[in-house]
Amino acid sequence: MAKLVAVLNCLKFGNDCGLVLNIIEADEATVVSWITNGYNLDSVCGGVLSEISSLKDNLEEVTIRYIRKGANKVAKGLAENALRLGENAYWMEEYPHCIRKEVEADMLGQ
């Protein structure tokens, strides 16, 4: 359920900020399958899945895709930093120091 809520919050934040979202990556294959195939709408997670579907339909060409868990070091670093902060933080142009190494490696294609 936490991974679904993370995708939902990503879509909401992007929509609220007027961002153009092209790709959302998630490291849980089951969650990506539920979202992309419309599965489990009648489950406990159905409300979140329905809201994701609705937001996704309102955004142009957003793709939600699976990536292996180790591939998303930046997201992991941000999540760990958020737990340490204990409050909401937003970076609109720069990225936080805690993920600098991962972002720079990603920019170099490493």
PDB file of N, CA and C in Angstrom:
ATOM      1  N   MET A   1       0.822  -1.197   0.000  1.00  0.00           N
ATOM      2  CA  MET A   1       0.000   0.000   0.000  1.00  0.00           C
ATOM      3  C   MET A   1       0.870   1.267   0.000  1.00  0.00           C
ATOM      4  N   ALA A   2       2.016   1.225   0.687  1.00  0.00           N
ATOM      5  CA  ALA A   2       2.890   2.403   0.751  1.00  0.00           C
ATOM      6  C   ALA A   2       3.396   2.793  -0.635  1.00  0.00           C
ATOM      7  N   LYS A   3       3.717   1.808  -1.462  1.00  0.00           N
ATOM      8  CA  LYS A   3       4.209   2.099  -2.822  1.00  0.00           C
ATOM      9  C   LYS A   3       3.107   2.738  -3.668  1.00  0.00           C
ATOM     10  N   LEU A   4       1.877   2.277  -3.485  1.00  0.00           N
ATOM     11  CA  LEU A   4       0.748   2.873  -4.203  1.00  0.00           C
ATOM     12  C   LEU A   4       0.551   4.327  -3.789  1.00  0.00           C
ATOM     13  N   VAL A   5       0.615   4.576  -2.493  1.00  0.00           N
ATOM     14  CA  VAL A   5       0.445   5.941  -1.989  1.00  0.00           C
ATOM     15  C   VAL A   5       1.579   6.835  -2.491  1.00  0.00           C
ATOM     16  N   ALA A   6       2.784   6.283  -2.594  1.00  0.00           N
ATOM     17  CA  ALA A   6       3.912   7.061  -3.126  1.00  0.00           C
ATOM     18  C   ALA A   6       3.644   7.478  -4.573  1.00  0.00           C
ATOM     19  N   VAL A   7       3.136   6.559  -5.388  1.00  0.00           N
ATOM     20  CA  VAL A   7       2.803   6.885  -6.785  1.00  0.00           C
ATOM     21  C   VAL A   7       1.686   7.925  -6.820  1.00  0.00           C
ATOM     22  N   LEU A   8       0.675   7.738  -5.985  1.00  0.00           N
ATOM     23  CA  LEU A   8      -0.438   8.691  -5.921  1.00  0.00           C
ATOM     24  C   LEU A   8       0.066  10.083  -5.547  1.00  0.00           C
ATOM     25  N   ASN A   9       0.913  10.160  -4.522  1.00  0.00           N
ATOM     26  CA  ASN A   9       1.443  11.459  -4.100  1.00  0.00           C
ATOM     27  C   ASN A   9       2.298  12.101  -5.184  1.00  0.00           C
ATOM     28  N   CYS A  10       3.026  11.301  -5.921  1.00  0.00           N
ATOM     29  CA  CYS A  10       3.819  11.810  -7.038  1.00  0.00           C
ATOM     30  C   CYS A  10       2.908  12.441  -8.093  1.00  0.00           C
ATOM     31  N   LEU A  11       1.850  11.739  -8.446  1.00  0.00           N
ATOM     32  CA  LEU A  11       0.903  12.258  -9.435  1.00  0.00           C
ATOM     33  C   LEU A  11       0.226  13.533  -8.937  1.00  0.00           C
ATOM     34  N   LYS A  12      -0.181  13.546  -7.675  1.00  0.00           N
ATOM     35  CA  LYS A  12      -0.837  14.728  -7.104  1.00  0.00           C
ATOM     36  C   LYS A  12       0.106  15.924  -7.092  1.00  0.00           C
ATOM     37  N   PHE A  13       1.330  15.693  -6.637  1.00  0.00           N
ATOM     38  CA  PHE A  13       2.305  16.778  -6.561  1.00  0.00           C
ATOM     39  C   PHE A  13       2.600  17.336  -7.953  1.00  0.00           C
ATOM     40  N   GLY A  14       2.826  16.450  -8.900  1.00  0.00           N
ATOM     41  CA  GLY A  14       3.085  16.886 -10.267  1.00  0.00           C
ATOM     42  C   GLY A  14       1.932  17.674 -10.841  1.00  0.00           C
ATOM     43  N   ASN A  15       0.732  17.203 -10.598  1.00  0.00           N
ATOM     44  CA  ASN A  15      -0.469  17.877 -11.079  1.00  0.00           C
ATOM     45  C   ASN A  15      -0.625  19.249 -10.421  1.00  0.00           C
ATOM     46  N   ASP A  16      -0.444  19.308  -9.098  1.00  0.00           N
ATOM     47  CA  ASP A  16      -0.582  20.570  -8.364  1.00  0.00           C
ATOM     48  C   ASP A  16       0.444  21.610  -8.802  1.00  0.00           C
ATOM     49  N   CYS A  17       1.638  21.157  -9.152  1.00  0.00           N
ATOM     50  CA  CYS A  17       2.719  22.073  -9.550  1.00  0.00           C
ATOM     51  C   CYS A  17       2.723  22.369 -11.041  1.00  0.00           C
ATOM     52  N   GLY A  18       1.849  21.704 -11.785  1.00  0.00           N
ATOM     53  CA  GLY A  18       1.809  21.909 -13.227  1.00  0.00           C
ATOM     54  C   GLY A  18       2.990  21.294 -13.955  1.00  0.00           C
ATOM     55  N   LEU A  19       3.589  20.274 -13.351  1.00  0.00           N
ATOM     56  CA  LEU A  19       4.731  19.608 -13.972  1.00  0.00           C
ATOM     57  C   LEU A  19       4.268  18.666 -15.075  1.00  0.00           C
ATOM     58  N   VAL A  20       5.100  18.485 -16.066  1.00  0.00           N
ATOM     59  CA  VAL A  20       4.841  17.497 -17.105  1.00  0.00           C
ATOM     60  C   VAL A  20       5.549  16.217 -16.679  1.00  0.00           C
ATOM     61  N   LEU A  21       4.770  15.230 -16.302  1.00  0.00           N
ATOM     62  CA  LEU A  21       5.334  13.953 -15.864  1.00  0.00           C
ATOM     63  C   LEU A  21       5.353  12.995 -17.044  1.00  0.00           C
ATOM     64  N   ASN A  22       6.516  12.483 -17.377  1.00  0.00           N
ATOM     65  CA  ASN A  22       6.629  11.518 -18.468  1.00  0.00           C
ATOM     66  C   ASN A  22       6.713  10.103 -17.945  1.00  0.00           C
ATOM     67  N   ILE A  23       7.589   9.891 -16.968  1.00  0.00           N
ATOM     68  CA  ILE A  23       7.818   8.548 -16.451  1.00  0.00           C
ATOM     69  C   ILE A  23       7.853   8.592 -14.933  1.00  0.00           C
ATOM     70  N   ILE A  24       7.124   7.686 -14.322  1.00  0.00           N
ATOM     71  CA  ILE A  24       7.208   7.458 -12.882  1.00  0.00           C
ATOM     72  C   ILE A  24       7.734   6.049 -12.721  1.00  0.00           C
ATOM     73  N   GLU A  25       8.799   5.911 -11.960  1.00  0.00           N
ATOM     74  CA  GLU A  25       9.415   4.602 -11.763  1.00  0.00           C
ATOM     75  C   GLU A  25       9.094   4.089 -10.370  1.00  0.00           C
ATOM     76  N   ALA A  26       8.776   2.807 -10.297  1.00  0.00           N
ATOM     77  CA  ALA A  26       8.497   2.149  -9.019  1.00  0.00           C
ATOM     78  C   ALA A  26       9.231   0.820  -8.986  1.00  0.00           C
ATOM     79  N   ASP A  27       9.717   0.463  -7.813  1.00  0.00           N
ATOM     80  CA  ASP A  27      10.503  -0.764  -7.702  1.00  0.00           C
ATOM     81  C   ASP A  27       9.695  -1.945  -7.159  1.00  0.00           C
ATOM     82  N   GLU A  28       8.398  -1.901  -7.338  1.00  0.00           N
ATOM     83  CA  GLU A  28       7.522  -2.998  -6.931  1.00  0.00           C
ATOM     84  C   GLU A  28       6.712  -3.423  -8.155  1.00  0.00           C
ATOM     85  N   ALA A  29       7.093  -4.556  -8.751  1.00  0.00           N
ATOM     86  CA  ALA A  29       6.475  -5.018 -10.005  1.00  0.00           C
ATOM     87  C   ALA A  29       4.974  -5.233  -9.863  1.00  0.00           C
ATOM     88  N   THR A  30       4.542  -5.745  -8.728  1.00  0.00           N
ATOM     89  CA  THR A  30       3.113  -5.996  -8.518  1.00  0.00           C
ATOM     90  C   THR A  30       2.325  -4.697  -8.565  1.00  0.00           C
ATOM     91  N   VAL A  31       2.825  -3.681  -7.917  1.00  0.00           N
ATOM     92  CA  VAL A  31       2.152  -2.379  -7.893  1.00  0.00           C
ATOM     93  C   VAL A  31       2.066  -1.799  -9.302  1.00  0.00           C
ATOM     94  N   VAL A  32       3.149  -1.868 -10.048  1.00  0.00           N
ATOM     95  CA  VAL A  32       3.153  -1.353 -11.422  1.00  0.00           C
ATOM     96  C   VAL A  32       2.130  -2.112 -12.261  1.00  0.00           C
ATOM     97  N   SER A  33       2.063  -3.420 -12.089  1.00  0.00           N
ATOM     98  CA  SER A  33       1.093  -4.237 -12.819  1.00  0.00           C
ATOM     99  C   SER A  33      -0.338  -3.850 -12.460  1.00  0.00           C
ATOM    100  N   TRP A  34      -0.610  -3.674 -11.181  1.00  0.00           N
ATOM    101  CA  TRP A  34      -1.957  -3.269 -10.755  1.00  0.00           C
ATOM    102  C   TRP A  34      -2.356  -1.950 -11.408  1.00  0.00           C
ATOM    103  N   ILE A  35      -1.427  -0.998 -11.435  1.00  0.00           N
ATOM    104  CA  ILE A  35      -1.728   0.329 -11.984  1.00  0.00           C
ATOM    105  C   ILE A  35      -1.899   0.265 -13.500  1.00  0.00           C
ATOM    106  N   THR A  36      -0.968  -0.365 -14.186  1.00  0.00           N
ATOM    107  CA  THR A  36      -1.002  -0.353 -15.650  1.00  0.00           C
ATOM    108  C   THR A  36      -2.096  -1.236 -16.226  1.00  0.00           C
ATOM    109  N   ASN A  37      -2.466  -2.293 -15.504  1.00  0.00           N
ATOM    110  CA  ASN A  37      -3.483  -3.218 -16.013  1.00  0.00           C
ATOM    111  C   ASN A  37      -4.852  -3.035 -15.378  1.00  0.00           C
ATOM    112  N   GLY A  38      -4.964  -2.131 -14.410  1.00  0.00           N
ATOM    113  CA  GLY A  38      -6.249  -1.877 -13.761  1.00  0.00           C
ATOM    114  C   GLY A  38      -6.715  -2.996 -12.853  1.00  0.00           C
ATOM    115  N   TYR A  39      -5.776  -3.742 -12.283  1.00  0.00           N
ATOM    116  CA  TYR A  39      -6.125  -4.859 -11.401  1.00  0.00           C
ATOM    117  C   TYR A  39      -6.453  -4.384  -9.989  1.00  0.00           C
ATOM    118  N   ASN A  40      -7.160  -5.234  -9.255  1.00  0.00           N
ATOM    119  CA  ASN A  40      -7.428  -5.077  -7.823  1.00  0.00           C
ATOM    120  C   ASN A  40      -8.214  -3.823  -7.465  1.00  0.00           C
ATOM    121  N   LEU A  41      -9.027  -3.323  -8.365  1.00  0.00           N
ATOM    122  CA  LEU A  41      -9.836  -2.150  -8.059  1.00  0.00           C
ATOM    123  C   LEU A  41     -10.887  -2.440  -6.994  1.00  0.00           C
ATOM    124  N   ASP A  42     -11.206  -3.720  -6.804  1.00  0.00           N
ATOM    125  CA  ASP A  42     -12.188  -4.095  -5.786  1.00  0.00           C
ATOM    126  C   ASP A  42     -11.525  -4.562  -4.491  1.00  0.00           C
ATOM    127  N   SER A  43     -10.225  -4.347  -4.355  1.00  0.00           N
ATOM    128  CA  SER A  43      -9.501  -4.769  -3.157  1.00  0.00           C
ATOM    129  C   SER A  43      -9.440  -3.623  -2.148  1.00  0.00           C
ATOM    130  N   VAL A  44      -8.735  -3.856  -1.058  1.00  0.00           N
ATOM    131  CA  VAL A  44      -8.521  -2.831  -0.040  1.00  0.00           C
ATOM    132  C   VAL A  44      -7.808  -1.617  -0.645  1.00  0.00           C
ATOM    133  N   CYS A  45      -6.993  -1.862  -1.646  1.00  0.00           N
ATOM    134  CA  CYS A  45      -6.229  -0.796  -2.311  1.00  0.00           C
ATOM    135  C   CYS A  45      -7.016  -0.134  -3.439  1.00  0.00           C
ATOM    136  N   GLY A  46      -8.238  -0.569  -3.659  1.00  0.00           N
ATOM    137  CA  GLY A  46      -9.023  -0.107  -4.800  1.00  0.00           C
ATOM    138  C   GLY A  46      -9.216   1.390  -4.878  1.00  0.00           C
ATOM    139  N   GLY A  47      -9.448   2.031  -3.743  1.00  0.00           N
ATOM    140  CA  GLY A  47      -9.645   3.479  -3.732  1.00  0.00           C
ATOM    141  C   GLY A  47      -8.412   4.226  -4.210  1.00  0.00           C
ATOM    142  N   VAL A  48      -7.249   3.792  -3.737  1.00  0.00           N
ATOM    143  CA  VAL A  48      -5.993   4.426  -4.150  1.00  0.00           C
ATOM    144  C   VAL A  48      -5.743   4.160  -5.629  1.00  0.00           C
ATOM    145  N   LEU A  49      -5.973   2.920  -6.065  1.00  0.00           N
ATOM    146  CA  LEU A  49      -5.783   2.571  -7.477  1.00  0.00           C
ATOM    147  C   LEU A  49      -6.711   3.377  -8.383  1.00  0.00           C
ATOM    148  N   SER A  50      -7.945   3.565  -7.961  1.00  0.00           N
ATOM    149  CA  SER A  50      -8.898   4.360  -8.750  1.00  0.00           C
ATOM    150  C   SER A  50      -8.457   5.814  -8.856  1.00  0.00           C
ATOM    151  N   GLU A  51      -7.959   6.356  -7.744  1.00  0.00           N
ATOM    152  CA  GLU A  51      -7.493   7.744  -7.762  1.00  0.00           C
ATOM    153  C   GLU A  51      -6.258   7.898  -8.651  1.00  0.00           C
ATOM    154  N   ILE A  52      -5.356   6.913  -8.592  1.00  0.00           N
ATOM    155  CA  ILE A  52      -4.178   6.926  -9.469  1.00  0.00           C
ATOM    156  C   ILE A  52      -4.622   6.903 -10.926  1.00  0.00           C
ATOM    157  N   SER A  53      -5.560   6.021 -11.237  1.00  0.00           N
ATOM    158  CA  SER A  53      -6.056   5.894 -12.607  1.00  0.00           C
ATOM    159  C   SER A  53      -6.669   7.203 -13.096  1.00  0.00           C
ATOM    160  N   SER A  54      -7.451   7.837 -12.244  1.00  0.00           N
ATOM    161  CA  SER A  54      -8.095   9.093 -12.608  1.00  0.00           C
ATOM    162  C   SER A  54      -7.068  10.197 -12.859  1.00  0.00           C
ATOM    163  N   LEU A  55      -6.101  10.336 -11.957  1.00  0.00           N
ATOM    164  CA  LEU A  55      -5.063  11.352 -12.133  1.00  0.00           C
ATOM    165  C   LEU A  55      -4.215  11.066 -13.364  1.00  0.00           C
ATOM    166  N   LYS A  56      -3.886   9.793 -13.553  1.00  0.00           N
ATOM    167  CA  LYS A  56      -3.069   9.385 -14.699  1.00  0.00           C
ATOM    168  C   LYS A  56      -3.779   9.719 -16.013  1.00  0.00           C
ATOM    169  N   ASP A  57      -5.086   9.523 -16.050  1.00  0.00           N
ATOM    170  CA  ASP A  57      -5.860   9.827 -17.253  1.00  0.00           C
ATOM    171  C   ASP A  57      -5.886  11.327 -17.560  1.00  0.00           C
ATOM    172  N   ASN A  58      -5.782  12.158 -16.514  1.00  0.00           N
ATOM    173  CA  ASN A  58      -5.806  13.611 -16.702  1.00  0.00           C
ATOM    174  C   ASN A  58      -4.463  14.174 -17.155  1.00  0.00           C
ATOM    175  N   LEU A  59      -3.402  13.398 -16.987  1.00  0.00           N
ATOM    176  CA  LEU A  59      -2.072  13.845 -17.391  1.00  0.00           C
ATOM    177  C   LEU A  59      -1.748  13.258 -18.758  1.00  0.00           C
ATOM    178  N   GLU A  60      -1.059  14.019 -19.569  1.00  0.00           N
ATOM    179  CA  GLU A  60      -0.724  13.544 -20.907  1.00  0.00           C
ATOM    180  C   GLU A  60       0.478  12.612 -20.870  1.00  0.00           C
ATOM    181  N   GLU A  61       0.300  11.440 -21.387  1.00  0.00           N
ATOM    182  CA  GLU A  61       1.373  10.485 -21.650  1.00  0.00           C
ATOM    183  C   GLU A  61       2.301  10.191 -20.479  1.00  0.00           C
ATOM    184  N   VAL A  62       1.764  10.009 -19.297  1.00  0.00           N
ATOM    185  CA  VAL A  62       2.594   9.583 -18.175  1.00  0.00           C
ATOM    186  C   VAL A  62       2.647   8.054 -18.171  1.00  0.00           C
ATOM    187  N   THR A  63       3.846   7.516 -18.021  1.00  0.00           N
ATOM    188  CA  THR A  63       4.059   6.076 -17.988  1.00  0.00           C
ATOM    189  C   THR A  63       4.570   5.691 -16.612  1.00  0.00           C
ATOM    190  N   ILE A  64       4.011   4.651 -16.061  1.00  0.00           N
ATOM    191  CA  ILE A  64       4.494   4.122 -14.788  1.00  0.00           C
ATOM    192  C   ILE A  64       5.170   2.806 -15.100  1.00  0.00           C
ATOM    193  N   ARG A  65       6.449   2.719 -14.763  1.00  0.00           N
ATOM    194  CA  ARG A  65       7.189   1.523 -15.134  1.00  0.00           C
ATOM    195  C   ARG A  65       7.989   0.970 -13.957  1.00  0.00           C
ATOM    196  N   TYR A  66       8.277  -0.306 -14.067  1.00  0.00           N
ATOM    197  CA  TYR A  66       9.035  -1.024 -13.039  1.00  0.00           C
ATOM    198  C   TYR A  66      10.532  -0.856 -13.273  1.00  0.00           C
ATOM    199  N   ILE A  67      11.258  -0.652 -12.194  1.00  0.00           N
ATOM    200  CA  ILE A  67      12.718  -0.694 -12.220  1.00  0.00           C
ATOM    201  C   ILE A  67      13.174  -1.547 -11.046  1.00  0.00           C
ATOM    202  N   ARG A  68      14.342  -2.146 -11.180  1.00  0.00           N
ATOM    203  CA  ARG A  68      14.828  -2.979 -10.076  1.00  0.00           C
ATOM    204  C   ARG A  68      15.130  -2.100  -8.866  1.00  0.00           C
ATOM    205  N   LYS A  69      15.010  -2.703  -7.694  1.00  0.00           N
ATOM    206  CA  LYS A  69      15.117  -1.966  -6.444  1.00  0.00           C
ATOM    207  C   LYS A  69      16.421  -1.171  -6.321  1.00  0.00           C
ATOM    208  N   GLY A  70      17.542  -1.747  -6.691  1.00  0.00           N
ATOM    209  CA  GLY A  70      18.825  -1.069  -6.563  1.00  0.00           C
ATOM    210  C   GLY A  70      19.032   0.071  -7.538  1.00  0.00           C
ATOM    211  N   ALA A  71      18.192   0.167  -8.559  1.00  0.00           N
ATOM    212  CA  ALA A  71      18.368   1.182  -9.595  1.00  0.00           C
ATOM    213  C   ALA A  71      17.905   2.560  -9.157  1.00  0.00           C
ATOM    214  N   ASN A  72      17.131   2.626  -8.112  1.00  0.00           N
ATOM    215  CA  ASN A  72      16.570   3.910  -7.721  1.00  0.00           C
ATOM    216  C   ASN A  72      17.201   4.434  -6.435  1.00  0.00           C
ATOM    217  N   LYS A  73      18.511   4.592  -6.464  1.00  0.00           N
ATOM    218  CA  LYS A  73      19.248   5.056  -5.286  1.00  0.00           C
ATOM    219  C   LYS A  73      18.871   6.485  -4.903  1.00  0.00           C
ATOM    220  N   VAL A  74      18.525   7.295  -5.881  1.00  0.00           N
ATOM    221  CA  VAL A  74      18.141   8.675  -5.594  1.00  0.00           C
ATOM    222  C   VAL A  74      16.851   8.704  -4.781  1.00  0.00           C
ATOM    223  N   ALA A  75      15.851   7.943  -5.204  1.00  0.00           N
ATOM    224  CA  ALA A  75      14.586   7.901  -4.464  1.00  0.00           C
ATOM    225  C   ALA A  75      14.800   7.362  -3.055  1.00  0.00           C
ATOM    226  N   LYS A  76      15.630   6.347  -2.940  1.00  0.00           N
ATOM    227  CA  LYS A  76      15.927   5.775  -1.620  1.00  0.00           C
ATOM    228  C   LYS A  76      16.609   6.817  -0.734  1.00  0.00           C
ATOM    229  N   GLY A  77      17.570   7.536  -1.301  1.00  0.00           N
ATOM    230  CA  GLY A  77      18.255   8.582  -0.542  1.00  0.00           C
ATOM    231  C   GLY A  77      17.322   9.691  -0.101  1.00  0.00           C
ATOM    232  N   LEU A  78      16.401  10.083  -0.985  1.00  0.00           N
ATOM    233  CA  LEU A  78      15.418  11.108  -0.627  1.00  0.00           C
ATOM    234  C   LEU A  78      14.483  10.624   0.472  1.00  0.00           C
ATOM    235  N   ALA A  79      14.045   9.373   0.373  1.00  0.00           N
ATOM    236  CA  ALA A  79      13.151   8.817   1.392  1.00  0.00           C
ATOM    237  C   ALA A  79      13.843   8.756   2.748  1.00  0.00           C
ATOM    238  N   GLU A  80      15.087   8.313   2.762  1.00  0.00           N
ATOM    239  CA  GLU A  80      15.830   8.251   4.022  1.00  0.00           C
ATOM    240  C   GLU A  80      16.033   9.649   4.600  1.00  0.00           C
ATOM    241  N   ASN A  81      16.314  10.615   3.742  1.00  0.00           N
ATOM    242  CA  ASN A  81      16.477  11.994   4.196  1.00  0.00           C
ATOM    243  C   ASN A  81      15.166  12.536   4.762  1.00  0.00           C
ATOM    244  N   ALA A  82      14.057  12.221   4.112  1.00  0.00           N
ATOM    245  CA  ALA A  82      12.748  12.679   4.587  1.00  0.00           C
ATOM    246  C   ALA A  82      12.435  12.120   5.970  1.00  0.00           C
ATOM    247  N   LEU A  83      12.800  10.864   6.201  1.00  0.00           N
ATOM    248  CA  LEU A  83      12.579  10.278   7.523  1.00  0.00           C
ATOM    249  C   LEU A  83      13.397  11.002   8.586  1.00  0.00           C
ATOM    250  N   ARG A  84      14.603  11.402   8.240  1.00  0.00           N
ATOM    251  CA  ARG A  84      15.445  12.137   9.198  1.00  0.00           C
ATOM    252  C   ARG A  84      14.890  13.538   9.459  1.00  0.00           C
ATOM    253  N   LEU A  85      14.369  14.198   8.412  1.00  0.00           N
ATOM    254  CA  LEU A  85      13.846  15.555   8.563  1.00  0.00           C
ATOM    255  C   LEU A  85      12.570  15.587   9.390  1.00  0.00           C
ATOM    256  N   GLY A  86      11.681  14.634   9.142  1.00  0.00           N
ATOM    257  CA  GLY A  86      10.417  14.583   9.863  1.00  0.00           C
ATOM    258  C   GLY A  86       9.424  15.660   9.454  1.00  0.00           C
ATOM    259  N   GLU A  87       9.674  16.352   8.356  1.00  0.00           N
ATOM    260  CA  GLU A  87       8.752  17.372   7.859  1.00  0.00           C
ATOM    261  C   GLU A  87       8.848  17.412   6.336  1.00  0.00           C
ATOM    262  N   ASN A  88       7.890  18.049   5.700  1.00  0.00           N
ATOM    263  CA  ASN A  88       7.905  18.147   4.244  1.00  0.00           C
ATOM    264  C   ASN A  88       8.992  19.112   3.781  1.00  0.00           C
ATOM    265  N   ALA A  89       9.652  18.748   2.706  1.00  0.00           N
ATOM    266  CA  ALA A  89      10.661  19.614   2.100  1.00  0.00           C
ATOM    267  C   ALA A  89      10.536  19.485   0.589  1.00  0.00           C
ATOM    268  N   TYR A  90      10.744  20.591  -0.125  1.00  0.00           N
ATOM    269  CA  TYR A  90      10.621  20.593  -1.574  1.00  0.00           C
ATOM    270  C   TYR A  90      11.854  21.248  -2.174  1.00  0.00           C
ATOM    271  N   TRP A  91      12.368  20.657  -3.233  1.00  0.00           N
ATOM    272  CA  TRP A  91      13.491  21.214  -3.971  1.00  0.00           C
ATOM    273  C   TRP A  91      13.014  21.404  -5.398  1.00  0.00           C
ATOM    274  N   MET A  92      13.003  22.630  -5.849  1.00  0.00           N
ATOM    275  CA  MET A  92      12.462  22.901  -7.176  1.00  0.00           C
ATOM    276  C   MET A  92      13.552  23.023  -8.244  1.00  0.00           C
ATOM    277  N   GLU A  93      14.739  23.454  -7.889  1.00  0.00           N
ATOM    278  CA  GLU A  93      15.786  23.619  -8.891  1.00  0.00           C
ATOM    279  C   GLU A  93      17.047  22.846  -8.544  1.00  0.00           C
ATOM    280  N   GLU A  94      17.434  22.844  -7.316  1.00  0.00           N
ATOM    281  CA  GLU A  94      18.614  22.113  -6.868  1.00  0.00           C
ATOM    282  C   GLU A  94      18.174  20.820  -6.197  1.00  0.00           C
ATOM    283  N   TYR A  95      19.074  19.910  -6.067  1.00  0.00           N
ATOM    284  CA  TYR A  95      18.788  18.678  -5.341  1.00  0.00           C
ATOM    285  C   TYR A  95      19.561  18.703  -4.030  1.00  0.00           C
ATOM    286  N   PRO A  96      19.053  18.002  -3.012  1.00  0.00           N
ATOM    287  CA  PRO A  96      19.706  18.041  -1.704  1.00  0.00           C
ATOM    288  C   PRO A  96      21.065  17.339  -1.718  1.00  0.00           C
ATOM    289  N   HIS A  97      21.919  17.781  -0.839  1.00  0.00           N
ATOM    290  CA  HIS A  97      23.283  17.261  -0.750  1.00  0.00           C
ATOM    291  C   HIS A  97      23.301  15.746  -0.518  1.00  0.00           C
ATOM    292  N   CYS A  98      22.310  15.211   0.173  1.00  0.00           N
ATOM    293  CA  CYS A  98      22.299  13.784   0.529  1.00  0.00           C
ATOM    294  C   CYS A  98      22.265  12.857  -0.688  1.00  0.00           C
ATOM    295  N   ILE A  99      21.879  13.370  -1.852  1.00  0.00           N
ATOM    296  CA  ILE A  99      21.809  12.520  -3.053  1.00  0.00           C
ATOM    297  C   ILE A  99      22.725  13.006  -4.171  1.00  0.00           C
ATOM    298  N   ARG A 100      23.586  13.952  -3.865  1.00  0.00           N
ATOM    299  CA  ARG A 100      24.448  14.554  -4.884  1.00  0.00           C
ATOM    300  C   ARG A 100      25.250  13.508  -5.659  1.00  0.00           C
ATOM    301  N   LYS A 101      25.880  12.574  -4.947  1.00  0.00           N
ATOM    302  CA  LYS A 101      26.723  11.568  -5.599  1.00  0.00           C
ATOM    303  C   LYS A 101      25.909  10.712  -6.574  1.00  0.00           C
ATOM    304  N   GLU A 102      24.711  10.287  -6.163  1.00  0.00           N
ATOM    305  CA  GLU A 102      23.873   9.444  -7.017  1.00  0.00           C
ATOM    306  C   GLU A 102      23.375  10.205  -8.244  1.00  0.00           C
ATOM    307  N   VAL A 103      22.974  11.457  -8.052  1.00  0.00           N
ATOM    308  CA  VAL A 103      22.480  12.264  -9.173  1.00  0.00           C
ATOM    309  C   VAL A 103      23.591  12.504 -10.188  1.00  0.00           C
ATOM    310  N   GLU A 104      24.768  12.855  -9.701  1.00  0.00           N
ATOM    311  CA  GLU A 104      25.880  13.113 -10.616  1.00  0.00           C
ATOM    312  C   GLU A 104      26.299  11.848 -11.363  1.00  0.00           C
ATOM    313  N   ALA A 105      26.282  10.698 -10.678  1.00  0.00           N
ATOM    314  CA  ALA A 105      26.596   9.429 -11.348  1.00  0.00           C
ATOM    315  C   ALA A 105      25.549   9.118 -12.411  1.00  0.00           C
ATOM    316  N   ASP A 106      24.284   9.391 -12.101  1.00  0.00           N
ATOM    317  CA  ASP A 106      23.200   9.149 -13.054  1.00  0.00           C
ATOM    318  C   ASP A 106      23.352  10.049 -14.282  1.00  0.00           C
ATOM    319  N   MET A 107      23.756  11.283 -14.063  1.00  0.00           N
ATOM    320  CA  MET A 107      23.941  12.216 -15.179  1.00  0.00           C
ATOM    321  C   MET A 107      25.074  11.762 -16.104  1.00  0.00           C
ATOM    322  N   LEU A 108      26.038  11.055 -15.534  1.00  0.00           N
ATOM    323  CA  LEU A 108      27.156  10.537 -16.324  1.00  0.00           C
ATOM    324  C   LEU A 108      26.857   9.170 -16.928  1.00  0.00           C
ATOM    325  N   GLY A 109      25.664   8.644 -16.627  1.00  0.00           N
ATOM    326  CA  GLY A 109      25.267   7.347 -17.166  1.00  0.00           C
ATOM    327  C   GLY A 109      25.897   6.167 -16.458  1.00  0.00           C
ATOM    328  N   GLN A 110      26.278   6.344 -15.211  1.00  0.00           N
ATOM    329  CA  GLN A 110      26.928   5.262 -14.457  1.00  0.00           C
ATOM    330  C   GLN A 110      25.939   4.482 -13.636  1.00  0.00           C
TER     331      GLN A 110
END
